[in-house]
């Protein structure tokens, strides 16, 4: 499974989660921006931006994002989304809202993945 194989909704969930995690720091590091560029290369810059805008308009806050993420049902997609999200969050350290979101998502999706918390 590759990100290119995701449905539109699954791509939106990935982009929305990554954007949430990067914004949680209130500043984006060079490494975090590199993760975004990597996703932009996979999805296409215009598509990435369109997905980010779509999620921003349709999903209200952290609770809305959590509700949206529960709609993702394919386990293989869940695992890849979580993997990419963790890669985006690691450079600045995973703490606070990032840690809370990722731990909730691990539990909600039943994904057994460990990440370094700081």
N, C-alpha and C. Protein backbone atom coordinates (compact mmCIF):
# COMPACT_ATOMS: atom_id res chain seq x y z
N UNK A 1 0.85 -1.18 0.00
CA UNK A 1 0.00 0.00 0.00
C UNK A 1 0.89 1.24 0.00
N UNK A 2 0.53 2.18 -0.84
CA UNK A 2 1.23 3.45 -0.92
C UNK A 2 0.22 4.58 -0.76
N UNK A 3 0.69 5.75 -0.40
CA UNK A 3 -0.19 6.90 -0.22
C UNK A 3 -0.97 7.19 -1.49
N UNK A 4 -0.36 6.97 -2.63
CA UNK A 4 -1.05 7.22 -3.90
C UNK A 4 -2.30 6.35 -4.05
N UNK A 5 -2.34 5.22 -3.32
CA UNK A 5 -3.47 4.30 -3.38
C UNK A 5 -4.61 4.68 -2.43
N UNK A 6 -4.40 5.70 -1.62
CA UNK A 6 -5.42 6.14 -0.66
C UNK A 6 -6.62 6.73 -1.40
N UNK A 7 -7.77 6.63 -0.76
CA UNK A 7 -8.94 7.36 -1.25
C UNK A 7 -8.74 8.83 -0.94
N UNK A 8 -9.60 9.66 -1.50
CA UNK A 8 -9.53 11.10 -1.24
C UNK A 8 -9.65 11.37 0.26
N UNK A 9 -10.61 10.71 0.91
CA UNK A 9 -10.82 10.91 2.35
C UNK A 9 -9.58 10.50 3.15
N UNK A 10 -8.94 9.41 2.77
CA UNK A 10 -7.76 8.94 3.48
C UNK A 10 -6.60 9.92 3.31
N UNK A 11 -6.44 10.46 2.12
CA UNK A 11 -5.40 11.48 1.88
C UNK A 11 -5.68 12.72 2.72
N UNK A 12 -6.95 13.12 2.78
CA UNK A 12 -7.32 14.28 3.58
C UNK A 12 -7.02 14.04 5.06
N UNK A 13 -7.27 12.84 5.54
CA UNK A 13 -6.99 12.50 6.93
C UNK A 13 -5.49 12.60 7.21
N UNK A 14 -4.68 12.09 6.31
CA UNK A 14 -3.23 12.16 6.47
C UNK A 14 -2.77 13.61 6.51
N UNK A 15 -3.18 14.40 5.55
CA UNK A 15 -2.77 15.80 5.49
C UNK A 15 -3.28 16.56 6.71
N UNK A 16 -4.52 16.34 7.09
CA UNK A 16 -5.07 17.03 8.26
C UNK A 16 -4.32 16.70 9.53
N UNK A 17 -3.98 15.44 9.71
CA UNK A 17 -3.24 15.03 10.91
C UNK A 17 -1.84 15.61 10.91
N UNK A 18 -1.15 15.54 9.79
CA UNK A 18 0.21 16.09 9.72
C UNK A 18 0.18 17.60 9.99
N UNK A 19 -0.76 18.29 9.38
CA UNK A 19 -0.88 19.74 9.61
C UNK A 19 -1.15 20.03 11.09
N UNK A 20 -2.02 19.27 11.71
CA UNK A 20 -2.32 19.45 13.13
C UNK A 20 -1.05 19.29 13.98
N UNK A 21 -0.29 18.23 13.70
CA UNK A 21 0.90 17.95 14.48
C UNK A 21 1.95 19.05 14.32
N UNK A 22 2.13 19.52 13.12
CA UNK A 22 3.12 20.57 12.88
C UNK A 22 2.68 21.88 13.52
N UNK A 23 1.40 22.19 13.42
CA UNK A 23 0.88 23.42 14.03
C UNK A 23 0.87 23.35 15.55
N UNK A 24 0.89 22.15 16.11
CA UNK A 24 0.88 22.00 17.57
C UNK A 24 2.12 22.62 18.21
N UNK A 25 3.22 22.64 17.47
CA UNK A 25 4.46 23.24 17.98
C UNK A 25 4.44 24.76 17.89
N UNK A 26 3.54 25.30 17.13
CA UNK A 26 3.40 26.73 16.85
C UNK A 26 4.57 27.28 16.04
N UNK A 27 5.45 26.40 15.61
CA UNK A 27 6.50 26.75 14.65
C UNK A 27 6.95 25.45 14.00
N UNK A 28 7.31 25.55 12.74
CA UNK A 28 7.72 24.35 12.00
C UNK A 28 9.23 24.36 11.81
N UNK A 29 9.85 23.27 12.19
CA UNK A 29 11.30 23.13 12.01
C UNK A 29 11.61 22.77 10.56
N UNK A 30 12.86 22.89 10.21
CA UNK A 30 13.31 22.51 8.87
C UNK A 30 12.98 21.06 8.59
N UNK A 31 13.15 20.20 9.59
CA UNK A 31 12.87 18.78 9.43
C UNK A 31 11.39 18.51 9.22
N UNK A 32 10.55 19.23 9.97
CA UNK A 32 9.11 19.07 9.80
C UNK A 32 8.67 19.54 8.41
N UNK A 33 9.23 20.64 7.97
CA UNK A 33 8.90 21.14 6.63
C UNK A 33 9.37 20.16 5.56
N UNK A 34 10.47 19.47 5.82
CA UNK A 34 10.94 18.45 4.88
C UNK A 34 9.93 17.31 4.77
N UNK A 35 9.30 16.95 5.88
CA UNK A 35 8.26 15.90 5.86
C UNK A 35 7.06 16.36 5.05
N UNK A 36 6.69 17.63 5.20
CA UNK A 36 5.58 18.17 4.42
C UNK A 36 5.94 18.15 2.94
N UNK A 37 7.15 18.58 2.60
CA UNK A 37 7.58 18.57 1.20
C UNK A 37 7.57 17.15 0.63
N UNK A 38 7.94 16.18 1.45
CA UNK A 38 7.91 14.79 1.02
C UNK A 38 6.48 14.37 0.66
N UNK A 39 5.52 14.74 1.50
CA UNK A 39 4.12 14.44 1.21
C UNK A 39 3.63 15.21 -0.01
N UNK A 40 4.08 16.46 -0.14
CA UNK A 40 3.72 17.24 -1.32
C UNK A 40 4.24 16.58 -2.59
N UNK A 41 5.44 16.02 -2.52
CA UNK A 41 6.00 15.33 -3.69
C UNK A 41 5.17 14.10 -4.05
N UNK A 42 4.68 13.41 -3.05
CA UNK A 42 3.87 12.21 -3.29
C UNK A 42 2.49 12.58 -3.83
N UNK A 43 1.85 13.54 -3.20
CA UNK A 43 0.47 13.91 -3.54
C UNK A 43 0.39 14.96 -4.64
N UNK A 44 1.46 15.70 -4.81
CA UNK A 44 1.45 16.86 -5.69
C UNK A 44 1.18 18.09 -4.83
N UNK A 45 1.95 19.15 -5.05
CA UNK A 45 1.83 20.36 -4.21
C UNK A 45 0.43 20.94 -4.23
N UNK A 46 -0.17 21.04 -5.42
CA UNK A 46 -1.51 21.61 -5.51
C UNK A 46 -2.53 20.75 -4.77
N UNK A 47 -2.43 19.43 -4.93
CA UNK A 47 -3.36 18.53 -4.25
C UNK A 47 -3.17 18.59 -2.73
N UNK A 48 -1.91 18.65 -2.29
CA UNK A 48 -1.65 18.74 -0.85
C UNK A 48 -2.32 19.99 -0.29
N UNK A 49 -2.08 21.13 -0.94
CA UNK A 49 -2.66 22.39 -0.46
C UNK A 49 -4.19 22.34 -0.50
N UNK A 50 -4.74 21.77 -1.55
CA UNK A 50 -6.20 21.66 -1.64
C UNK A 50 -6.76 20.79 -0.53
N UNK A 51 -6.08 19.69 -0.23
CA UNK A 51 -6.52 18.82 0.87
C UNK A 51 -6.43 19.54 2.20
N UNK A 52 -5.33 20.27 2.42
CA UNK A 52 -5.16 21.02 3.67
C UNK A 52 -6.27 22.05 3.84
N UNK A 53 -6.60 22.77 2.77
CA UNK A 53 -7.68 23.76 2.82
C UNK A 53 -9.03 23.10 3.06
N UNK A 54 -9.25 21.97 2.41
CA UNK A 54 -10.51 21.25 2.57
C UNK A 54 -10.70 20.81 4.02
N UNK A 55 -9.67 20.23 4.61
CA UNK A 55 -9.76 19.78 6.00
C UNK A 55 -9.96 20.98 6.92
N UNK A 56 -9.24 22.06 6.64
CA UNK A 56 -9.35 23.26 7.46
C UNK A 56 -10.78 23.81 7.45
N UNK A 57 -11.43 23.76 6.29
CA UNK A 57 -12.80 24.28 6.17
C UNK A 57 -13.84 23.33 6.76
N UNK A 58 -13.61 22.02 6.63
CA UNK A 58 -14.64 21.06 7.00
C UNK A 58 -14.48 20.48 8.41
N UNK A 59 -13.32 20.62 8.99
CA UNK A 59 -13.04 20.03 10.29
C UNK A 59 -12.79 21.14 11.29
N UNK A 60 -13.54 21.14 12.36
CA UNK A 60 -13.43 22.21 13.34
C UNK A 60 -12.64 21.75 14.56
N UNK A 61 -11.42 22.23 14.67
CA UNK A 61 -10.60 21.99 15.85
C UNK A 61 -10.16 20.55 16.04
N UNK A 62 -9.55 20.32 17.17
CA UNK A 62 -9.01 19.00 17.49
C UNK A 62 -10.11 17.94 17.60
N UNK A 63 -11.22 18.29 18.23
CA UNK A 63 -12.31 17.33 18.35
C UNK A 63 -12.87 16.94 16.99
N UNK A 64 -12.98 17.91 16.11
CA UNK A 64 -13.45 17.64 14.76
C UNK A 64 -12.48 16.74 14.00
N UNK A 65 -11.19 16.97 14.19
CA UNK A 65 -10.18 16.14 13.54
C UNK A 65 -10.27 14.71 14.07
N UNK A 66 -10.42 14.57 15.37
CA UNK A 66 -10.55 13.22 15.94
C UNK A 66 -11.77 12.50 15.36
N UNK A 67 -12.88 13.21 15.27
CA UNK A 67 -14.10 12.61 14.70
C UNK A 67 -13.85 12.20 13.25
N UNK A 68 -13.21 13.06 12.48
CA UNK A 68 -12.91 12.76 11.09
C UNK A 68 -11.99 11.54 10.99
N UNK A 69 -10.99 11.45 11.83
CA UNK A 69 -10.04 10.34 11.77
C UNK A 69 -10.70 9.00 12.08
N UNK A 70 -11.78 9.01 12.85
CA UNK A 70 -12.48 7.75 13.13
C UNK A 70 -13.17 7.18 11.90
N UNK A 71 -13.32 7.99 10.85
CA UNK A 71 -13.96 7.50 9.63
C UNK A 71 -13.02 6.67 8.76
N UNK A 72 -11.74 6.67 9.08
CA UNK A 72 -10.78 5.89 8.31
C UNK A 72 -10.85 4.45 8.80
N UNK A 73 -11.19 3.54 7.90
CA UNK A 73 -11.47 2.16 8.30
C UNK A 73 -10.43 1.14 7.89
N UNK A 74 -9.72 1.37 6.79
CA UNK A 74 -8.76 0.36 6.32
C UNK A 74 -7.53 0.36 7.23
N UNK A 75 -7.25 -0.78 7.85
CA UNK A 75 -6.17 -0.87 8.82
C UNK A 75 -4.81 -0.55 8.21
N UNK A 76 -4.57 -1.02 7.01
CA UNK A 76 -3.28 -0.75 6.36
C UNK A 76 -3.08 0.75 6.15
N UNK A 77 -4.14 1.45 5.83
CA UNK A 77 -4.09 2.90 5.65
C UNK A 77 -3.85 3.57 7.00
N UNK A 78 -4.55 3.13 8.02
CA UNK A 78 -4.37 3.68 9.36
C UNK A 78 -2.90 3.60 9.79
N UNK A 79 -2.31 2.45 9.58
CA UNK A 79 -0.92 2.26 9.98
C UNK A 79 0.03 3.18 9.23
N UNK A 80 -0.21 3.35 7.94
CA UNK A 80 0.66 4.22 7.15
C UNK A 80 0.45 5.69 7.51
N UNK A 81 -0.80 6.09 7.76
CA UNK A 81 -1.06 7.46 8.20
C UNK A 81 -0.33 7.72 9.51
N UNK A 82 -0.46 6.81 10.45
CA UNK A 82 0.19 7.00 11.75
C UNK A 82 1.71 7.04 11.61
N UNK A 83 2.25 6.18 10.77
CA UNK A 83 3.70 6.17 10.54
C UNK A 83 4.17 7.52 9.99
N UNK A 84 3.48 8.04 8.99
CA UNK A 84 3.86 9.32 8.39
C UNK A 84 3.67 10.47 9.38
N UNK A 85 2.63 10.39 10.19
CA UNK A 85 2.38 11.44 11.18
C UNK A 85 3.49 11.46 12.23
N UNK A 86 3.91 10.31 12.66
CA UNK A 86 4.99 10.23 13.65
C UNK A 86 6.29 10.77 13.04
N UNK A 87 6.56 10.42 11.80
CA UNK A 87 7.75 10.95 11.12
C UNK A 87 7.72 12.48 11.09
N UNK A 88 6.55 13.05 10.89
CA UNK A 88 6.43 14.50 10.85
C UNK A 88 6.59 15.13 12.23
N UNK A 89 6.18 14.42 13.27
CA UNK A 89 6.21 14.97 14.63
C UNK A 89 7.55 14.80 15.33
N UNK A 90 8.31 13.80 14.99
CA UNK A 90 9.54 13.46 15.71
C UNK A 90 10.58 14.58 15.75
N UNK A 91 10.82 15.32 14.66
CA UNK A 91 11.92 16.29 14.69
C UNK A 91 11.89 17.28 15.86
N UNK A 92 10.72 17.74 16.24
CA UNK A 92 10.61 18.69 17.35
C UNK A 92 10.34 17.99 18.68
N UNK A 93 10.25 16.68 18.65
CA UNK A 93 9.91 15.93 19.85
C UNK A 93 8.40 15.80 19.97
N UNK A 94 7.95 14.66 20.44
CA UNK A 94 6.52 14.40 20.55
C UNK A 94 6.10 14.65 22.00
N UNK A 95 5.29 15.68 22.18
CA UNK A 95 4.86 16.03 23.53
C UNK A 95 3.54 16.80 23.46
N UNK A 96 2.94 17.00 24.59
CA UNK A 96 1.74 17.81 24.68
C UNK A 96 0.61 17.31 23.79
N UNK A 97 0.07 18.22 22.99
CA UNK A 97 -1.07 17.89 22.12
C UNK A 97 -0.71 16.82 21.10
N UNK A 98 0.53 16.83 20.61
CA UNK A 98 0.95 15.81 19.66
C UNK A 98 0.87 14.43 20.29
N UNK A 99 1.45 14.31 21.48
CA UNK A 99 1.46 13.05 22.20
C UNK A 99 0.04 12.57 22.49
N UNK A 100 -0.78 13.49 22.94
CA UNK A 100 -2.18 13.15 23.25
C UNK A 100 -2.90 12.63 22.00
N UNK A 101 -2.74 13.32 20.89
CA UNK A 101 -3.40 12.92 19.65
C UNK A 101 -2.88 11.57 19.16
N UNK A 102 -1.58 11.39 19.14
CA UNK A 102 -1.01 10.14 18.63
C UNK A 102 -1.35 8.95 19.53
N UNK A 103 -1.32 9.15 20.83
CA UNK A 103 -1.70 8.06 21.74
C UNK A 103 -3.18 7.71 21.59
N UNK A 104 -4.02 8.72 21.46
CA UNK A 104 -5.44 8.47 21.24
C UNK A 104 -5.65 7.70 19.95
N UNK A 105 -4.95 8.12 18.89
CA UNK A 105 -5.11 7.49 17.59
C UNK A 105 -4.62 6.04 17.60
N UNK A 106 -3.51 5.80 18.27
CA UNK A 106 -3.02 4.41 18.41
C UNK A 106 -4.10 3.53 19.03
N UNK A 107 -4.71 4.04 20.08
CA UNK A 107 -5.75 3.28 20.78
C UNK A 107 -7.01 3.15 19.92
N UNK A 108 -7.46 4.24 19.36
CA UNK A 108 -8.68 4.27 18.55
C UNK A 108 -8.58 3.34 17.35
N UNK A 109 -7.43 3.35 16.70
CA UNK A 109 -7.23 2.57 15.48
C UNK A 109 -6.67 1.17 15.76
N UNK A 110 -6.27 0.89 16.99
CA UNK A 110 -5.72 -0.42 17.31
C UNK A 110 -4.39 -0.67 16.62
N UNK A 111 -3.56 0.36 16.57
CA UNK A 111 -2.24 0.24 15.93
C UNK A 111 -1.20 0.12 17.03
N UNK A 112 -0.39 -0.91 16.92
CA UNK A 112 0.67 -1.15 17.92
C UNK A 112 1.98 -0.59 17.36
N UNK A 113 2.20 0.69 17.64
CA UNK A 113 3.41 1.34 17.19
C UNK A 113 3.93 2.20 18.33
N UNK A 114 5.20 2.19 18.54
CA UNK A 114 5.79 3.00 19.61
C UNK A 114 6.50 4.19 19.01
N UNK A 115 6.49 5.28 19.74
CA UNK A 115 7.21 6.46 19.30
C UNK A 115 7.86 7.10 20.52
N UNK A 116 8.99 7.77 20.28
CA UNK A 116 9.69 8.40 21.38
C UNK A 116 8.96 9.66 21.84
N UNK A 117 8.60 9.71 23.09
CA UNK A 117 7.97 10.91 23.64
C UNK A 117 9.04 11.71 24.36
N UNK A 118 8.92 13.03 24.27
CA UNK A 118 9.91 13.87 24.96
C UNK A 118 9.26 14.69 26.02
